[in-house]
Amino acid sequence: MANIRSLKKEIDSRVYEVISDCFTYSELYPDNNPDEVTGIISDAVNFRNDLIHRVNNPDPEQDPRGVKSHYQLVNKDLDAGVSKLFERLSSVSKKKKK
């Protein structure tokens, strides 16, 4: 992580990638599980907002090493959260209606 601005851009980029894939799936299969896909999009937006809030509001009482570990934890949570969102979308696509 180089700086806070690049972390925010990374959060936006990765979460919008999930949202884009959800919209693509919805366009290709409009009748298959639209409520679940909408739920994934909603969760992705909430996840993004939570991460941005955490980046903007580190604990001011922490020492500089603590602040650095705070941002590293945000980065780890970004990786884990995006993976979970993609897994949910993948499971929705496997449940396609016949």
N, C-alpha and C. Protein backbone atom coordinates (compact mmCIF):
# COMPACT_ATOMS: atom_id res chain seq x y z
N MET A 1 0.84 -1.17 0.00
CA MET A 1 0.00 0.00 0.00
C MET A 1 0.89 1.24 0.00
N ALA A 2 0.76 2.04 -1.03
CA ALA A 2 1.59 3.22 -1.15
C ALA A 2 1.04 4.39 -0.32
N ASN A 3 -0.26 4.65 -0.46
CA ASN A 3 -0.85 5.73 0.31
C ASN A 3 -2.36 5.53 0.42
N ILE A 4 -3.01 6.40 1.16
CA ILE A 4 -4.44 6.26 1.42
C ILE A 4 -5.25 6.41 0.14
N ARG A 5 -4.86 7.36 -0.70
CA ARG A 5 -5.61 7.58 -1.94
C ARG A 5 -5.58 6.35 -2.83
N SER A 6 -4.43 5.70 -2.94
CA SER A 6 -4.37 4.50 -3.78
C SER A 6 -5.16 3.35 -3.16
N LEU A 7 -5.23 3.29 -1.83
CA LEU A 7 -6.05 2.27 -1.18
C LEU A 7 -7.52 2.50 -1.50
N LYS A 8 -7.96 3.74 -1.44
CA LYS A 8 -9.35 4.04 -1.78
C LYS A 8 -9.66 3.70 -3.23
N LYS A 9 -8.74 3.99 -4.13
CA LYS A 9 -8.94 3.65 -5.54
C LYS A 9 -9.00 2.14 -5.73
N GLU A 10 -8.18 1.42 -4.99
CA GLU A 10 -8.19 -0.04 -5.06
C GLU A 10 -9.52 -0.59 -4.55
N ILE A 11 -10.03 -0.03 -3.47
CA ILE A 11 -11.33 -0.45 -2.94
C ILE A 11 -12.40 -0.23 -3.99
N ASP A 12 -12.45 0.97 -4.56
CA ASP A 12 -13.46 1.27 -5.58
C ASP A 12 -13.33 0.35 -6.78
N SER A 13 -12.12 0.16 -7.25
CA SER A 13 -11.90 -0.66 -8.44
C SER A 13 -12.36 -2.09 -8.24
N ARG A 14 -11.98 -2.68 -7.12
CA ARG A 14 -12.29 -4.10 -6.90
C ARG A 14 -13.78 -4.32 -6.62
N VAL A 15 -14.40 -3.40 -5.88
CA VAL A 15 -15.82 -3.56 -5.59
C VAL A 15 -16.65 -3.29 -6.85
N TYR A 16 -16.26 -2.30 -7.64
CA TYR A 16 -16.99 -2.03 -8.87
C TYR A 16 -16.83 -3.16 -9.88
N GLU A 17 -15.76 -3.91 -9.80
CA GLU A 17 -15.59 -5.08 -10.64
C GLU A 17 -16.65 -6.13 -10.29
N VAL A 18 -16.89 -6.32 -9.01
CA VAL A 18 -17.93 -7.26 -8.58
C VAL A 18 -19.29 -6.79 -9.07
N ILE A 19 -19.57 -5.50 -8.90
CA ILE A 19 -20.86 -4.95 -9.31
C ILE A 19 -21.03 -5.08 -10.82
N SER A 20 -19.98 -4.83 -11.56
CA SER A 20 -20.04 -4.95 -13.01
C SER A 20 -20.35 -6.39 -13.42
N ASP A 21 -19.72 -7.35 -12.76
CA ASP A 21 -20.00 -8.75 -13.07
C ASP A 21 -21.45 -9.11 -12.73
N CYS A 22 -21.98 -8.53 -11.67
CA CYS A 22 -23.38 -8.77 -11.31
C CYS A 22 -24.32 -8.22 -12.39
N PHE A 23 -24.03 -7.02 -12.88
CA PHE A 23 -24.86 -6.44 -13.93
C PHE A 23 -24.75 -7.26 -15.22
N THR A 24 -23.56 -7.73 -15.52
CA THR A 24 -23.38 -8.56 -16.71
C THR A 24 -24.19 -9.84 -16.59
N TYR A 25 -24.14 -10.48 -15.44
CA TYR A 25 -24.92 -11.69 -15.21
C TYR A 25 -26.41 -11.39 -15.36
N SER A 26 -26.86 -10.26 -14.79
CA SER A 26 -28.28 -9.90 -14.88
C SER A 26 -28.71 -9.65 -16.31
N GLU A 27 -27.84 -9.09 -17.12
CA GLU A 27 -28.17 -8.86 -18.53
C GLU A 27 -28.22 -10.17 -19.32
N LEU A 28 -27.30 -11.06 -19.03
CA LEU A 28 -27.26 -12.33 -19.77
C LEU A 28 -28.38 -13.28 -19.35
N TYR A 29 -28.73 -13.27 -18.07
CA TYR A 29 -29.75 -14.16 -17.53
C TYR A 29 -30.76 -13.35 -16.72
N PRO A 30 -31.63 -12.59 -17.39
CA PRO A 30 -32.53 -11.68 -16.65
C PRO A 30 -33.55 -12.40 -15.78
N ASP A 31 -33.89 -13.64 -16.10
CA ASP A 31 -34.92 -14.35 -15.34
C ASP A 31 -34.36 -15.24 -14.23
N ASN A 32 -33.05 -15.33 -14.10
CA ASN A 32 -32.45 -16.24 -13.14
C ASN A 32 -31.99 -15.50 -11.88
N ASN A 33 -32.70 -15.73 -10.79
CA ASN A 33 -32.31 -15.23 -9.47
C ASN A 33 -32.04 -13.72 -9.41
N PRO A 34 -32.94 -12.89 -9.92
CA PRO A 34 -32.64 -11.44 -9.90
C PRO A 34 -32.56 -10.86 -8.49
N ASP A 35 -33.32 -11.42 -7.54
CA ASP A 35 -33.28 -10.90 -6.18
C ASP A 35 -31.95 -11.18 -5.51
N GLU A 36 -31.37 -12.36 -5.77
CA GLU A 36 -30.08 -12.70 -5.18
C GLU A 36 -28.98 -11.81 -5.74
N VAL A 37 -29.03 -11.54 -7.04
CA VAL A 37 -28.01 -10.69 -7.66
C VAL A 37 -28.14 -9.26 -7.12
N THR A 38 -29.36 -8.79 -6.96
CA THR A 38 -29.57 -7.46 -6.39
C THR A 38 -29.04 -7.40 -4.96
N GLY A 39 -29.21 -8.47 -4.21
CA GLY A 39 -28.69 -8.54 -2.85
C GLY A 39 -27.17 -8.48 -2.82
N ILE A 40 -26.52 -9.15 -3.77
CA ILE A 40 -25.06 -9.12 -3.85
C ILE A 40 -24.59 -7.69 -4.16
N ILE A 41 -25.28 -7.02 -5.07
CA ILE A 41 -24.92 -5.64 -5.41
C ILE A 41 -25.08 -4.74 -4.19
N SER A 42 -26.17 -4.90 -3.48
CA SER A 42 -26.42 -4.10 -2.27
C SER A 42 -25.34 -4.35 -1.22
N ASP A 43 -24.99 -5.61 -1.02
CA ASP A 43 -23.94 -5.95 -0.05
C ASP A 43 -22.59 -5.40 -0.48
N ALA A 44 -22.32 -5.40 -1.77
CA ALA A 44 -21.05 -4.87 -2.28
C ALA A 44 -20.96 -3.36 -2.02
N VAL A 45 -22.04 -2.66 -2.24
CA VAL A 45 -22.05 -1.21 -1.99
C VAL A 45 -21.86 -0.93 -0.50
N ASN A 46 -22.55 -1.68 0.34
CA ASN A 46 -22.39 -1.49 1.79
C ASN A 46 -20.97 -1.84 2.24
N PHE A 47 -20.39 -2.88 1.67
CA PHE A 47 -19.03 -3.29 1.98
C PHE A 47 -18.05 -2.18 1.59
N ARG A 48 -18.23 -1.62 0.41
CA ARG A 48 -17.38 -0.52 -0.06
C ARG A 48 -17.48 0.68 0.86
N ASN A 49 -18.70 1.05 1.23
CA ASN A 49 -18.89 2.20 2.11
C ASN A 49 -18.25 1.98 3.47
N ASP A 50 -18.35 0.75 4.00
CA ASP A 50 -17.73 0.44 5.28
C ASP A 50 -16.20 0.55 5.20
N LEU A 51 -15.62 0.02 4.14
CA LEU A 51 -14.16 0.09 4.00
C LEU A 51 -13.69 1.54 3.85
N ILE A 52 -14.38 2.33 3.05
CA ILE A 52 -14.00 3.74 2.88
C ILE A 52 -14.12 4.48 4.22
N HIS A 53 -15.15 4.17 4.98
CA HIS A 53 -15.30 4.80 6.30
C HIS A 53 -14.14 4.41 7.20
N ARG A 54 -13.74 3.16 7.17
CA ARG A 54 -12.61 2.72 7.99
C ARG A 54 -11.30 3.37 7.56
N VAL A 55 -11.13 3.58 6.26
CA VAL A 55 -9.91 4.24 5.77
C VAL A 55 -9.89 5.70 6.21
N ASN A 56 -11.04 6.35 6.15
CA ASN A 56 -11.12 7.76 6.50
C ASN A 56 -11.07 8.03 7.99
N ASN A 57 -11.32 7.02 8.81
CA ASN A 57 -11.42 7.23 10.25
C ASN A 57 -10.57 6.25 11.05
N PRO A 58 -9.25 6.30 10.91
CA PRO A 58 -8.43 5.44 11.77
C PRO A 58 -8.47 5.97 13.21
N ASP A 59 -8.11 5.12 14.13
CA ASP A 59 -8.10 5.52 15.54
C ASP A 59 -6.97 6.53 15.75
N PRO A 60 -7.30 7.78 16.14
CA PRO A 60 -6.26 8.81 16.27
C PRO A 60 -5.31 8.58 17.44
N GLU A 61 -5.69 7.72 18.38
CA GLU A 61 -4.86 7.50 19.55
C GLU A 61 -3.79 6.43 19.31
N GLN A 62 -3.82 5.80 18.14
CA GLN A 62 -2.83 4.76 17.85
C GLN A 62 -1.50 5.39 17.48
N ASP A 63 -0.43 4.66 17.77
CA ASP A 63 0.88 5.11 17.34
C ASP A 63 0.99 4.88 15.82
N PRO A 64 2.00 5.43 15.15
CA PRO A 64 2.11 5.28 13.70
C PRO A 64 2.14 3.82 13.23
N ARG A 65 2.72 2.94 14.00
CA ARG A 65 2.72 1.52 13.62
C ARG A 65 1.32 0.93 13.70
N GLY A 66 0.56 1.40 14.67
CA GLY A 66 -0.81 0.94 14.80
C GLY A 66 -1.67 1.39 13.64
N VAL A 67 -1.44 2.61 13.18
CA VAL A 67 -2.18 3.12 12.03
C VAL A 67 -1.82 2.33 10.79
N LYS A 68 -0.55 2.01 10.64
CA LYS A 68 -0.12 1.21 9.49
C LYS A 68 -0.79 -0.17 9.52
N SER A 69 -0.85 -0.78 10.67
CA SER A 69 -1.49 -2.10 10.77
C SER A 69 -2.99 -1.98 10.51
N HIS A 70 -3.58 -0.83 10.87
CA HIS A 70 -5.00 -0.59 10.59
C HIS A 70 -5.25 -0.65 9.09
N TYR A 71 -4.42 0.02 8.31
CA TYR A 71 -4.59 0.03 6.86
C TYR A 71 -4.27 -1.33 6.24
N GLN A 72 -3.35 -2.05 6.82
CA GLN A 72 -3.06 -3.40 6.33
C GLN A 72 -4.25 -4.32 6.58
N LEU A 73 -4.92 -4.15 7.71
CA LEU A 73 -6.11 -4.93 8.00
C LEU A 73 -7.24 -4.59 7.04
N VAL A 74 -7.39 -3.32 6.71
CA VAL A 74 -8.40 -2.91 5.73
C VAL A 74 -8.11 -3.58 4.39
N ASN A 75 -6.85 -3.63 4.00
CA ASN A 75 -6.46 -4.25 2.74
C ASN A 75 -6.77 -5.75 2.75
N LYS A 76 -6.49 -6.43 3.87
CA LYS A 76 -6.82 -7.85 3.99
C LYS A 76 -8.32 -8.08 3.92
N ASP A 77 -9.07 -7.22 4.60
CA ASP A 77 -10.53 -7.34 4.59
C ASP A 77 -11.08 -7.11 3.19
N LEU A 78 -10.45 -6.22 2.43
CA LEU A 78 -10.85 -5.99 1.05
C LEU A 78 -10.68 -7.28 0.23
N ASP A 79 -9.54 -7.92 0.36
CA ASP A 79 -9.30 -9.16 -0.37
C ASP A 79 -10.32 -10.23 -0.01
N ALA A 80 -10.53 -10.42 1.29
CA ALA A 80 -11.46 -11.45 1.74
C ALA A 80 -12.90 -11.14 1.33
N GLY A 81 -13.31 -9.89 1.47
CA GLY A 81 -14.68 -9.51 1.14
C GLY A 81 -14.99 -9.63 -0.33
N VAL A 82 -14.06 -9.21 -1.17
CA VAL A 82 -14.28 -9.31 -2.62
C VAL A 82 -14.35 -10.78 -3.03
N SER A 83 -13.51 -11.61 -2.44
CA SER A 83 -13.56 -13.04 -2.74
C SER A 83 -14.91 -13.64 -2.37
N LYS A 84 -15.43 -13.26 -1.21
CA LYS A 84 -16.74 -13.77 -0.77
C LYS A 84 -17.85 -13.32 -1.71
N LEU A 85 -17.79 -12.06 -2.15
CA LEU A 85 -18.81 -11.57 -3.07
C LEU A 85 -18.76 -12.31 -4.41
N PHE A 86 -17.57 -12.55 -4.91
CA PHE A 86 -17.45 -13.32 -6.16
C PHE A 86 -17.93 -14.75 -5.97
N GLU A 87 -17.66 -15.35 -4.82
CA GLU A 87 -18.14 -16.71 -4.55
C GLU A 87 -19.66 -16.75 -4.52
N ARG A 88 -20.27 -15.73 -3.93
CA ARG A 88 -21.74 -15.67 -3.90
C ARG A 88 -22.30 -15.56 -5.31
N LEU A 89 -21.69 -14.73 -6.14
CA LEU A 89 -22.16 -14.59 -7.52
C LEU A 89 -21.98 -15.91 -8.26
N SER A 90 -20.88 -16.57 -8.03
CA SER A 90 -20.63 -17.86 -8.66
C SER A 90 -21.67 -18.89 -8.25
N SER A 91 -22.02 -18.90 -6.97
CA SER A 91 -23.03 -19.87 -6.51
C SER A 91 -24.41 -19.56 -7.10
N VAL A 92 -24.70 -18.27 -7.30
CA VAL A 92 -25.97 -17.90 -7.93
C VAL A 92 -25.99 -18.38 -9.38
N SER A 93 -24.89 -18.24 -10.07
CA SER A 93 -24.86 -18.66 -11.48
C SER A 93 -24.96 -20.18 -11.61
N LYS A 94 -24.52 -20.92 -10.60
CA LYS A 94 -24.62 -22.38 -10.65
C LYS A 94 -26.06 -22.84 -10.41
N LYS A 95 -26.88 -21.98 -9.79
CA LYS A 95 -28.27 -22.34 -9.49
C LYS A 95 -29.23 -21.86 -10.60
N LYS A 96 -28.73 -21.68 -11.80
CA LYS A 96 -29.58 -21.18 -12.89
C LYS A 96 -30.83 -22.03 -13.04
N LYS A 97 -31.93 -21.37 -13.41
CA LYS A 97 -33.17 -22.10 -13.70
C LYS A 97 -33.01 -22.81 -15.03
N LYS A 98 -33.62 -23.92 -15.12
CA LYS A 98 -33.54 -24.71 -16.37
C LYS A 98 -34.66 -24.35 -17.31
